[in-house]
């Protein structure tokens, strides 16, 4: 959880399920980093880190739209980043953040690295994909507040003070593990990675955001995955969950889910078969 003083600076950081800093309180007109491919000696590229930064109203752009910085998270290697905007109030900014998480989860679910991780998760869960994905994240990931991740970069302090979000896409977290780097993230990173693995295993899921910070009960402060299976709703929260199925309370009655959409492979096959049948019927009709 992040709390801001009157100047919009972080004054306190805690690690709790009540507020894991996925969606901290945001001053007006924030901006965002989207670091892309870094220069790295390894043949496996790290694509990007995403750092949502905050600019106070009336501030000018603090950094070029694209640049390079060093990151302790990536073993001191250089990473590229670019700037992007978030607009509107806190809920609108959360919607935009979730949209980016959804995009990455779907895109990365198709990569060989995520599919291999999904296979490992399935074995770890004894054939249960939901349990296996939760266990894999618990084993591989270390929870780290975004403010600590940002502290390890070569960005200026003026820029660091305005960063309010860091998202490392699922493929990059998988590549970190393959490079013997410790994958670190807060709840949004865990959530995107778990969703990507579940999609690779053909399991439909949702993102779920909840307001659970008593300091600001009107804003979403935690996010995790939800799976609906056999009529049951299963929370999958590897960043804070004590067990697979544990769910943070919703004391203020503010919770929302977003469907992680992907057409399964079987859907493509059925569509192809239907088109083929129609074409064949037309040819026979001639």
Protein backbone atom coordinates (compact mmCIF):
# COMPACT_ATOMS: atom_id res chain seq x y z
CA UNK A 1 0.00 0.00 0.00
CA UNK A 2 1.19 3.51 -0.77
CA UNK A 3 0.18 6.63 1.07
CA UNK A 4 0.91 10.07 -0.39
CA UNK A 5 1.56 13.34 1.37
CA UNK A 6 0.15 16.65 0.21
CA UNK A 7 2.92 16.99 -2.39
CA UNK A 8 2.05 13.64 -3.94
CA UNK A 9 5.19 11.92 -2.61
CA UNK A 10 5.22 8.46 -1.10
CA UNK A 11 5.50 8.74 2.67
CA UNK A 12 4.83 5.17 3.79
CA UNK A 13 4.92 1.70 2.28
CA UNK A 14 3.49 -1.46 3.78
CA UNK A 15 3.06 -5.03 2.51
CA UNK A 16 -0.37 -6.32 3.32
CA UNK A 17 -3.38 -7.81 1.62
CA UNK A 18 -5.32 -4.69 2.52
CA UNK A 19 -3.35 -2.73 -0.07
CA UNK A 20 -0.57 -4.21 -2.16
CA UNK A 21 0.05 -1.08 -4.26
CA UNK A 22 -1.31 -2.54 -7.46
CA UNK A 23 -3.66 0.44 -7.73
CA UNK A 24 -2.47 3.08 -5.26
CA UNK A 25 -4.08 6.48 -4.85
CA UNK A 26 -3.16 8.55 -7.91
CA UNK A 27 -2.75 12.30 -8.18
CA UNK A 28 -4.01 13.94 -11.38
CA UNK A 29 -2.60 13.32 -14.86
CA UNK A 30 -0.26 10.35 -14.36
CA UNK A 31 2.09 9.07 -17.05
CA UNK A 32 3.42 5.61 -17.73
CA UNK A 33 6.65 3.89 -18.75
CA UNK A 34 6.56 1.01 -21.21
CA UNK A 35 10.18 -0.24 -21.34
CA UNK A 36 10.77 -2.50 -24.31
CA UNK A 37 13.70 -4.65 -25.45
CA UNK A 38 16.92 -4.20 -23.42
CA UNK A 39 20.47 -4.65 -24.59
CA UNK A 40 21.36 -8.00 -23.04
CA UNK A 41 24.10 -10.54 -23.83
CA UNK A 42 21.67 -13.44 -23.46
CA UNK A 43 19.99 -14.73 -26.62
CA UNK A 44 16.59 -14.63 -24.89
CA UNK A 45 15.32 -11.02 -25.01
CA UNK A 46 13.46 -9.29 -22.20
CA UNK A 47 10.79 -7.30 -23.95
CA UNK A 48 9.72 -4.60 -21.56
CA UNK A 49 8.89 -3.47 -18.07
CA UNK A 50 5.94 -1.17 -17.64
CA UNK A 51 6.22 1.60 -15.10
CA UNK A 52 3.22 3.83 -14.65
CA UNK A 53 4.48 7.16 -13.42
CA UNK A 54 2.53 10.06 -12.00
CA UNK A 55 2.86 13.71 -12.96
CA UNK A 56 1.16 16.35 -10.88
CA UNK A 57 -1.25 18.63 -12.71
CA UNK A 58 0.65 21.26 -14.69
CA UNK A 59 3.96 19.36 -14.65
CA UNK A 60 5.93 18.92 -17.84
CA UNK A 61 7.19 15.62 -19.21
CA UNK A 62 10.00 14.45 -16.96
CA UNK A 63 11.73 12.09 -19.37
CA UNK A 64 12.05 11.50 -23.12
CA UNK A 65 9.30 9.36 -24.61
CA UNK A 66 11.82 6.56 -25.05
CA UNK A 67 15.04 5.85 -23.21
CA UNK A 68 17.35 3.34 -21.57
CA UNK A 69 18.04 2.77 -17.90
CA UNK A 70 19.71 0.13 -15.77
CA UNK A 71 17.65 -2.06 -13.50
CA UNK A 72 18.77 -4.12 -10.51
CA UNK A 73 15.77 -6.38 -11.14
CA UNK A 74 17.35 -7.38 -14.47
CA UNK A 75 20.78 -8.01 -13.01
CA UNK A 76 22.01 -4.47 -13.63
CA UNK A 77 21.40 -4.79 -17.37
CA UNK A 78 19.98 -2.01 -19.49
CA UNK A 79 16.28 -1.93 -20.33
CA UNK A 80 14.48 0.32 -22.79
CA UNK A 81 11.37 2.21 -21.82
CA UNK A 82 8.85 4.54 -23.39
CA UNK A 83 6.28 6.87 -21.89
CA UNK A 84 2.51 6.51 -22.16
CA UNK A 85 -0.45 8.31 -20.64
CA UNK A 86 -3.16 7.31 -18.21
CA UNK A 87 -6.21 9.56 -18.16
CA UNK A 88 -9.22 10.24 -15.98
CA UNK A 89 -9.90 9.44 -12.35
CA UNK A 90 -8.68 6.46 -10.32
CA UNK A 91 -11.27 4.02 -11.64
CA UNK A 92 -10.62 5.02 -15.26
CA UNK A 93 -6.87 4.59 -14.70
CA UNK A 94 -7.46 1.12 -13.25
CA UNK A 95 -9.51 0.22 -16.33
CA UNK A 96 -6.60 1.27 -18.56
CA UNK A 97 -4.11 -0.65 -16.43
CA UNK A 98 -6.28 -3.79 -16.52
CA UNK A 99 -6.58 -3.45 -20.30
CA UNK A 100 -2.79 -3.52 -20.63
CA UNK A 101 -2.57 -6.53 -18.29
CA UNK A 102 -5.22 -8.34 -20.34
CA UNK A 103 -3.33 -7.61 -23.55
CA UNK A 104 -0.06 -9.00 -22.18
CA UNK A 105 -1.69 -12.07 -20.63
CA UNK A 106 -3.32 -13.05 -23.92
CA UNK A 107 -0.32 -12.26 -26.12
CA UNK A 108 2.22 -14.02 -23.94
CA UNK A 109 0.07 -17.12 -23.45
CA UNK A 110 0.99 -18.06 -27.02
CA UNK A 111 4.75 -18.01 -26.45
CA UNK A 112 6.83 -21.20 -26.05
CA UNK A 113 8.21 -20.01 -22.69
CA UNK A 114 4.79 -19.50 -21.12
CA UNK A 115 3.51 -22.78 -22.55
CA UNK A 116 6.48 -24.59 -21.05
CA UNK A 117 5.84 -22.91 -17.69
CA UNK A 118 2.20 -23.98 -17.97
CA UNK A 119 3.28 -27.58 -18.52
CA UNK A 120 5.45 -27.43 -15.40
CA UNK A 121 2.55 -25.93 -13.44
CA UNK A 122 0.20 -28.69 -14.55
CA UNK A 123 2.64 -31.32 -13.27
CA UNK A 124 3.15 -29.37 -10.04
CA UNK A 125 -0.59 -29.36 -9.44
CA UNK A 126 -0.92 -33.09 -10.03
CA UNK A 127 -3.08 -32.44 -13.07
CA UNK A 128 -5.02 -29.54 -11.51
CA UNK A 129 -4.08 -26.45 -13.58
CA UNK A 130 -5.44 -23.92 -11.09
CA UNK A 131 -3.59 -25.37 -8.10
CA UNK A 132 -0.45 -25.86 -10.19
CA UNK A 133 -0.33 -22.28 -11.43
CA UNK A 134 -0.80 -20.98 -7.88
CA UNK A 135 2.00 -23.24 -6.59
CA UNK A 136 4.39 -22.30 -9.38
CA UNK A 137 4.02 -18.59 -8.62
CA UNK A 138 4.52 -19.24 -4.92
CA UNK A 139 7.73 -21.12 -5.65
CA UNK A 140 9.27 -18.83 -8.24
CA UNK A 141 8.16 -15.31 -7.38
CA UNK A 142 9.14 -12.92 -4.63
CA UNK A 143 6.75 -10.13 -3.71
CA UNK A 144 8.27 -6.69 -4.07
CA UNK A 145 6.63 -3.30 -3.85
CA UNK A 146 6.88 -1.19 -6.97
CA UNK A 147 8.63 1.56 -5.08
CA UNK A 148 11.48 -0.86 -4.29
CA UNK A 149 11.67 -2.03 -7.90
CA UNK A 150 11.88 1.57 -9.08
CA UNK A 151 14.52 2.38 -6.50
CA UNK A 152 16.85 -0.08 -8.24
CA UNK A 153 16.76 1.73 -11.59
CA UNK A 154 19.05 4.43 -12.94
CA UNK A 155 16.21 6.90 -13.36
CA UNK A 156 16.50 10.30 -11.77
CA UNK A 157 15.02 10.74 -8.31
CA UNK A 158 12.58 13.27 -9.69
CA UNK A 159 11.16 10.62 -12.01
CA UNK A 160 11.24 7.87 -9.38
CA UNK A 161 9.16 9.98 -7.01
CA UNK A 162 6.34 10.05 -9.57
CA UNK A 163 6.26 6.38 -10.48
CA UNK A 164 3.11 4.77 -9.15
CA UNK A 165 3.03 1.46 -10.99
CA UNK A 166 5.35 -1.23 -12.37
CA UNK A 167 4.12 -4.14 -14.45
CA UNK A 168 6.49 -6.75 -15.84
CA UNK A 169 4.77 -8.74 -18.56
CA UNK A 170 4.39 -12.53 -18.15
CA UNK A 171 6.94 -13.47 -20.81
CA UNK A 172 9.57 -11.24 -19.23
CA UNK A 173 9.00 -12.81 -15.81
CA UNK A 174 9.47 -16.22 -17.41
CA UNK A 175 12.67 -15.04 -19.09
CA UNK A 176 13.95 -13.66 -15.78
CA UNK A 177 13.61 -17.11 -14.22
CA UNK A 178 15.39 -18.66 -17.19
CA UNK A 179 18.27 -16.19 -16.78
CA UNK A 180 18.59 -17.17 -13.09
CA UNK A 181 17.23 -13.77 -12.06
CA UNK A 182 14.71 -13.60 -9.23
CA UNK A 183 11.27 -12.73 -10.63
CA UNK A 184 9.83 -9.98 -8.44
CA UNK A 185 6.48 -8.25 -8.73
CA UNK A 186 3.50 -7.08 -6.75
CA UNK A 187 -0.03 -8.39 -7.17
CA UNK A 188 -0.62 -7.15 -10.71
CA UNK A 189 2.46 -8.98 -11.98
CA UNK A 190 1.43 -12.20 -10.24
CA UNK A 191 -2.05 -11.82 -11.68
CA UNK A 192 -0.97 -11.29 -15.28
CA UNK A 193 1.45 -14.22 -15.16
CA UNK A 194 -1.10 -16.61 -13.64
CA UNK A 195 -3.72 -15.63 -16.19
CA UNK A 196 -1.27 -16.17 -19.04
CA UNK A 197 -0.44 -19.68 -17.79
CA UNK A 198 -4.11 -20.54 -17.30
CA UNK A 199 -4.90 -19.39 -20.84
CA UNK A 200 -2.06 -21.55 -22.16
CA UNK A 201 -3.72 -24.48 -20.38
CA UNK A 202 -7.13 -23.66 -21.84
CA UNK A 203 -8.60 -22.44 -18.53
CA UNK A 204 -10.86 -19.37 -18.72
CA UNK A 205 -10.31 -16.83 -15.96
CA UNK A 206 -11.06 -13.29 -14.83
CA UNK A 207 -9.08 -10.47 -13.28
CA UNK A 208 -10.66 -9.31 -10.02
CA UNK A 209 -9.92 -5.94 -8.41
CA UNK A 210 -11.13 -5.05 -4.93
CA UNK A 211 -11.07 -2.01 -2.66
CA UNK A 212 -9.67 -3.26 0.63
CA UNK A 213 -7.60 -0.38 2.01
CA UNK A 214 -9.28 1.32 5.00
CA UNK A 215 -7.26 4.43 4.22
CA UNK A 216 -9.17 4.89 0.96
CA UNK A 217 -12.06 2.42 0.62
CA UNK A 218 -13.27 4.07 -2.61
CA UNK A 219 -10.28 2.93 -4.69
CA UNK A 220 -9.21 -0.47 -5.97
CA UNK A 221 -6.05 -1.56 -4.15
CA UNK A 222 -5.62 -5.28 -4.90
CA UNK A 223 -5.99 -7.53 -7.94
CA UNK A 224 -5.95 -11.32 -8.41
CA UNK A 225 -7.32 -14.07 -10.65
CA UNK A 226 -10.71 -15.76 -10.37
CA UNK A 227 -11.64 -19.07 -12.05
CA UNK A 228 -15.18 -20.42 -12.39
CA UNK A 229 -15.16 -24.22 -12.45
CA UNK A 230 -17.96 -26.74 -11.94
CA UNK A 231 -20.24 -24.05 -10.59
CA UNK A 232 -17.67 -22.86 -8.04
CA UNK A 233 -15.87 -19.51 -7.90
CA UNK A 234 -12.18 -20.01 -7.08
CA UNK A 235 -9.93 -17.09 -6.10
CA UNK A 236 -6.33 -17.59 -7.24
CA UNK A 237 -4.16 -15.12 -5.32
CA UNK A 238 -0.50 -16.12 -5.23
CA UNK A 239 0.79 -12.74 -4.05
CA UNK A 240 -1.16 -12.75 -0.77
CA UNK A 241 -3.16 -15.97 -0.67
CA UNK A 242 -2.44 -18.36 2.18
CA UNK A 243 -3.79 -21.21 0.07
CA UNK A 244 -5.29 -21.66 -3.40
CA UNK A 245 -8.85 -20.43 -3.01
CA UNK A 246 -8.08 -17.84 -0.32
CA UNK A 247 -9.67 -14.48 -1.09
CA UNK A 248 -9.12 -11.09 0.48
CA UNK A 249 -12.28 -9.75 2.17
CA UNK A 250 -14.39 -7.15 0.39
CA UNK A 251 -15.36 -5.01 3.39
CA UNK A 252 -16.38 -1.93 1.38
CA UNK A 253 -18.48 -3.64 -1.26
CA UNK A 254 -16.33 -2.53 -4.19
CA UNK A 255 -15.15 -5.35 -6.41
CA UNK A 256 -15.09 -5.82 -10.17
CA UNK A 257 -14.10 -8.62 -12.54
CA UNK A 258 -12.79 -8.48 -16.11
CA UNK A 259 -12.92 -11.52 -18.38
CA UNK A 260 -9.57 -12.55 -19.79
CA UNK A 261 -10.66 -13.22 -23.35
CA UNK A 262 -9.04 -15.66 -25.73
CA UNK A 263 -10.49 -17.89 -28.41
CA UNK A 264 -9.27 -21.40 -27.51
CA UNK A 265 -7.49 -23.57 -30.05
CA UNK A 266 -10.51 -25.86 -30.25
CA UNK A 267 -12.57 -22.82 -31.25
CA UNK A 268 -10.32 -22.16 -34.21
CA UNK A 269 -10.53 -25.82 -35.23
CA UNK A 270 -14.31 -25.84 -35.09
CA UNK A 271 -14.47 -22.59 -37.06
CA UNK A 272 -12.10 -23.99 -39.69
CA UNK A 273 -14.20 -27.17 -39.93
CA UNK A 274 -17.38 -25.14 -40.35
CA UNK A 275 -15.87 -22.97 -43.08
CA UNK A 276 -14.54 -26.07 -44.80
CA UNK A 277 -17.95 -27.70 -44.70
CA UNK A 278 -19.60 -24.60 -46.17
CA UNK A 279 -17.03 -24.37 -48.95
CA UNK A 280 -17.42 -28.07 -49.72
CA UNK A 281 -21.20 -27.69 -49.80
CA UNK A 282 -20.93 -24.78 -52.23
CA UNK A 283 -18.60 -26.73 -54.51
CA UNK A 284 -20.95 -29.72 -54.52
CA UNK A 285 -23.85 -27.41 -55.31
CA UNK A 286 -22.09 -26.23 -58.41
